[in-house]
Amino acid sequence: MRTDDFDIAGVTFASARAWLRGELPPCRRAADLDTSKCEVAFLNEIGNLASYRPACRAMMELYDRGATVAISHVVSPVFLKKYLRYGGIVSLTETIKWRGVTHQAARLIVPADGVRAWIEKVRVKTADAK
């Protein structure tokens, strides 16, 4: 199973806000939003569980560059549950086609407190894995 199956980028607050409000269409790639500043981590997709740890490392890099809030486009109930556990708030749901299959997707935001807690937990697990 691939371990690089994720699409994560740092985006501006303005583009994140517009996307969460539904003012922008579903993004096929994180780079479809404004990536000129790393203010918000856009977790567009994590394609499989094998990619979770590498995606977490990418998220830590974005956090260290200033992305203290995260937005996500979630189709997986596993990842939706995880984001909700960290205080995620669903802004809207929509039907999308992802990898040739129709899914119910949620656009959500994970506030700074939740992102910080997630990063702290991931840093410990990543340090233990070395």
C-alpha atoms as a PDB file:
ATOM      1  CA  MET A   1       0.000   0.000   0.000  1.00  0.00           C
ATOM      2  CA  ARG A   2       1.298   3.487  -0.867  1.00  0.00           C
ATOM      3  CA  THR A   3       2.572   5.635   2.000  1.00  0.00           C
ATOM      4  CA  ASP A   4       2.598   8.898   0.036  1.00  0.00           C
ATOM      5  CA  ASP A   5      -1.100   8.955  -0.771  1.00  0.00           C
ATOM      6  CA  PHE A   6      -1.981  12.355   0.642  1.00  0.00           C
ATOM      7  CA  ASP A   7      -2.480  15.926  -0.531  1.00  0.00           C
ATOM      8  CA  ILE A   8      -1.649  18.540   2.099  1.00  0.00           C
ATOM      9  CA  ALA A   9      -0.572  22.177   1.727  1.00  0.00           C
ATOM     10  CA  GLY A  10      -0.370  25.421   3.655  1.00  0.00           C
ATOM     11  CA  VAL A  11      -2.944  27.944   2.400  1.00  0.00           C
ATOM     12  CA  THR A  12      -4.002  31.492   3.228  1.00  0.00           C
ATOM     13  CA  PHE A  13      -6.741  32.329   5.752  1.00  0.00           C
ATOM     14  CA  ALA A  14      -8.717  34.088   3.018  1.00  0.00           C
ATOM     15  CA  SER A  15      -8.791  31.084   0.683  1.00  0.00           C
ATOM     16  CA  ALA A  16      -9.524  28.698   3.567  1.00  0.00           C
ATOM     17  CA  ARG A  17     -12.457  30.839   4.706  1.00  0.00           C
ATOM     18  CA  ALA A  18     -13.891  31.096   1.182  1.00  0.00           C
ATOM     19  CA  TRP A  19     -13.558  27.345   0.665  1.00  0.00           C
ATOM     20  CA  LEU A  20     -15.213  26.530   4.022  1.00  0.00           C
ATOM     21  CA  ARG A  21     -18.149  28.799   3.167  1.00  0.00           C
ATOM     22  CA  GLY A  22     -18.683  26.960  -0.116  1.00  0.00           C
ATOM     23  CA  GLU A  23     -17.656  29.984  -2.171  1.00  0.00           C
ATOM     24  CA  LEU A  24     -15.082  27.807  -3.941  1.00  0.00           C
ATOM     25  CA  PRO A  25     -15.750  24.448  -5.585  1.00  0.00           C
ATOM     26  CA  PRO A  26     -14.359  21.196  -4.178  1.00  0.00           C
ATOM     27  CA  CYS A  27     -10.611  21.251  -4.786  1.00  0.00           C
ATOM     28  CA  ARG A  28      -9.038  18.477  -6.772  1.00  0.00           C
ATOM     29  CA  ARG A  29      -5.651  19.363  -5.262  1.00  0.00           C
ATOM     30  CA  ALA A  30      -4.613  21.400  -2.243  1.00  0.00           C
ATOM     31  CA  ALA A  31      -2.702  23.637  -4.653  1.00  0.00           C
ATOM     32  CA  ASP A  32      -6.073  24.765  -6.086  1.00  0.00           C
ATOM     33  CA  LEU A  33      -6.292  27.133  -3.101  1.00  0.00           C
ATOM     34  CA  ASP A  34      -3.959  30.104  -2.500  1.00  0.00           C
ATOM     35  CA  THR A  35      -0.699  28.593  -1.226  1.00  0.00           C
ATOM     36  CA  SER A  36       1.199  31.900  -1.115  1.00  0.00           C
ATOM     37  CA  LYS A  37       1.241  31.830   2.735  1.00  0.00           C
ATOM     38  CA  CYS A  38       1.179  28.919   5.164  1.00  0.00           C
ATOM     39  CA  GLU A  39      -1.524  30.184   7.540  1.00  0.00           C
ATOM     40  CA  VAL A  40      -3.895  27.199   7.509  1.00  0.00           C
ATOM     41  CA  ALA A  41      -3.139  23.533   6.869  1.00  0.00           C
ATOM     42  CA  PHE A  42      -5.397  22.191   4.115  1.00  0.00           C
ATOM     43  CA  LEU A  43      -5.734  18.437   4.522  1.00  0.00           C
ATOM     44  CA  ASN A  44      -7.363  17.776   1.178  1.00  0.00           C
ATOM     45  CA  GLU A  45      -7.105  14.017   1.322  1.00  0.00           C
ATOM     46  CA  ILE A  46      -5.341  11.211   3.086  1.00  0.00           C
ATOM     47  CA  GLY A  47      -5.963   8.328   0.753  1.00  0.00           C
ATOM     48  CA  ASN A  48      -5.246   5.370   3.021  1.00  0.00           C
ATOM     49  CA  LEU A  49      -4.219   4.479   6.557  1.00  0.00           C
ATOM     50  CA  ALA A  50      -0.669   3.616   5.446  1.00  0.00           C
ATOM     51  CA  SER A  51      -0.246   7.286   4.521  1.00  0.00           C
ATOM     52  CA  TYR A  52      -1.367   8.558   7.916  1.00  0.00           C
ATOM     53  CA  ARG A  53       2.092   8.790   9.588  1.00  0.00           C
ATOM     54  CA  PRO A  54       3.789  10.452   6.589  1.00  0.00           C
ATOM     55  CA  ALA A  55       0.825  12.838   6.344  1.00  0.00           C
ATOM     56  CA  CYS A  56       1.207  13.636  10.042  1.00  0.00           C
ATOM     57  CA  ARG A  57       4.873  14.489   9.456  1.00  0.00           C
ATOM     58  CA  ALA A  58       3.806  16.814   6.622  1.00  0.00           C
ATOM     59  CA  MET A  59       1.204  18.367   8.945  1.00  0.00           C
ATOM     60  CA  MET A  60       3.878  18.933  11.626  1.00  0.00           C
ATOM     61  CA  GLU A  61       5.993  20.779   9.061  1.00  0.00           C
ATOM     62  CA  LEU A  62       3.039  23.039   8.178  1.00  0.00           C
ATOM     63  CA  TYR A  63       2.355  23.654  11.869  1.00  0.00           C
ATOM     64  CA  ASP A  64       5.998  24.611  12.420  1.00  0.00           C
ATOM     65  CA  ARG A  65       5.691  27.045   9.482  1.00  0.00           C
ATOM     66  CA  GLY A  66       2.683  28.767  11.078  1.00  0.00           C
ATOM     67  CA  ALA A  67      -0.448  26.770  10.164  1.00  0.00           C
ATOM     68  CA  THR A  68      -2.115  26.601  13.589  1.00  0.00           C
ATOM     69  CA  VAL A  69      -5.584  25.800  12.203  1.00  0.00           C
ATOM     70  CA  ALA A  70      -6.539  23.014   9.783  1.00  0.00           C
ATOM     71  CA  ILE A  71      -9.282  22.601   7.213  1.00  0.00           C
ATOM     72  CA  SER A  72     -10.112  19.307   5.607  1.00  0.00           C
ATOM     73  CA  HIS A  73     -12.184  17.733   2.880  1.00  0.00           C
ATOM     74  CA  VAL A  74     -13.152  14.403   4.401  1.00  0.00           C
ATOM     75  CA  VAL A  75     -14.740  11.377   2.755  1.00  0.00           C
ATOM     76  CA  SER A  76     -13.500   8.747   5.213  1.00  0.00           C
ATOM     77  CA  PRO A  77     -15.640   8.134   8.310  1.00  0.00           C
ATOM     78  CA  VAL A  78     -12.420   7.137  10.145  1.00  0.00           C
ATOM     79  CA  PHE A  79     -10.771  10.498   9.479  1.00  0.00           C
ATOM     80  CA  LEU A  80     -14.001  12.420  10.078  1.00  0.00           C
ATOM     81  CA  LYS A  81     -14.248  10.852  13.537  1.00  0.00           C
ATOM     82  CA  LYS A  82     -10.610  11.725  14.239  1.00  0.00           C
ATOM     83  CA  TYR A  83     -11.065  15.387  13.230  1.00  0.00           C
ATOM     84  CA  LEU A  84     -14.288  15.673  15.254  1.00  0.00           C
ATOM     85  CA  ARG A  85     -12.464  14.260  18.294  1.00  0.00           C
ATOM     86  CA  TYR A  86     -10.056  17.202  18.033  1.00  0.00           C
ATOM     87  CA  GLY A  87     -12.886  19.735  17.943  1.00  0.00           C
ATOM     88  CA  GLY A  88     -13.522  19.751  14.209  1.00  0.00           C
ATOM     89  CA  ILE A  89     -16.585  21.671  13.048  1.00  0.00           C
ATOM     90  CA  VAL A  90     -18.330  20.685   9.819  1.00  0.00           C
ATOM     91  CA  SER A  91     -19.096  23.746   7.689  1.00  0.00           C
ATOM     92  CA  LEU A  92     -20.962  21.896   4.922  1.00  0.00           C
ATOM     93  CA  THR A  93     -21.490  18.516   3.353  1.00  0.00           C
ATOM     94  CA  GLU A  94     -21.622  17.731  -0.331  1.00  0.00           C
ATOM     95  CA  THR A  95     -21.594  14.873  -2.781  1.00  0.00           C
ATOM     96  CA  ILE A  96     -18.346  14.582  -4.711  1.00  0.00           C
ATOM     97  CA  LYS A  97     -16.713  12.163  -7.097  1.00  0.00           C
ATOM     98  CA  TRP A  98     -13.325  11.019  -5.735  1.00  0.00           C
ATOM     99  CA  ARG A  99     -11.216   8.431  -7.516  1.00  0.00           C
ATOM    100  CA  GLY A 100     -14.141   7.506  -9.718  1.00  0.00           C
ATOM    101  CA  VAL A 101     -16.550   6.852  -6.838  1.00  0.00           C
ATOM    102  CA  THR A 102     -19.325   9.107  -5.546  1.00  0.00           C
ATOM    103  CA  HIS A 103     -18.940   9.992  -1.847  1.00  0.00           C
ATOM    104  CA  GLN A 104     -20.593  12.139   0.764  1.00  0.00           C
ATOM    105  CA  ALA A 105     -17.863  14.597   1.802  1.00  0.00           C
ATOM    106  CA  ALA A 106     -17.576  17.132   4.595  1.00  0.00           C
ATOM    107  CA  ARG A 107     -15.703  20.409   4.628  1.00  0.00           C
ATOM    108  CA  LEU A 108     -14.532  21.095   8.152  1.00  0.00           C
ATOM    109  CA  ILE A 109     -12.241  23.207  10.293  1.00  0.00           C
ATOM    110  CA  VAL A 110     -10.159  21.997  13.223  1.00  0.00           C
ATOM    111  CA  PRO A 111      -9.532  24.949  15.575  1.00  0.00           C
ATOM    112  CA  ALA A 112      -6.109  25.871  16.951  1.00  0.00           C
ATOM    113  CA  ASP A 113      -6.582  24.048  20.289  1.00  0.00           C
ATOM    114  CA  GLY A 114      -7.428  20.822  18.498  1.00  0.00           C
ATOM    115  CA  VAL A 115      -4.565  21.127  16.028  1.00  0.00           C
ATOM    116  CA  ARG A 116      -2.113  21.827  18.876  1.00  0.00           C
ATOM    117  CA  ALA A 117      -3.331  18.741  20.806  1.00  0.00           C
ATOM    118  CA  TRP A 118      -3.068  16.584  17.680  1.00  0.00           C
ATOM    119  CA  ILE A 119       0.443  17.857  16.898  1.00  0.00           C
ATOM    120  CA  GLU A 120       1.615  17.244  20.479  1.00  0.00           C
ATOM    121  CA  LYS A 121       0.313  13.666  20.326  1.00  0.00           C
ATOM    122  CA  VAL A 122       1.821  13.050  16.881  1.00  0.00           C
ATOM    123  CA  ARG A 123       5.229  14.430  17.912  1.00  0.00           C
ATOM    124  CA  VAL A 124       5.387  11.947  20.802  1.00  0.00           C
ATOM    125  CA  LYS A 125       4.367   9.001  18.595  1.00  0.00           C
ATOM    126  CA  THR A 126       6.753  10.055  15.815  1.00  0.00           C
ATOM    127  CA  ALA A 127       9.641  10.388  18.300  1.00  0.00           C
ATOM    128  CA  ASP A 128       8.811   6.918  19.717  1.00  0.00           C
ATOM    129  CA  ALA A 129       8.828   5.406  16.193  1.00  0.00           C
ATOM    130  CA  LYS A 130      12.428   6.439  15.493  1.00  0.00           C
END
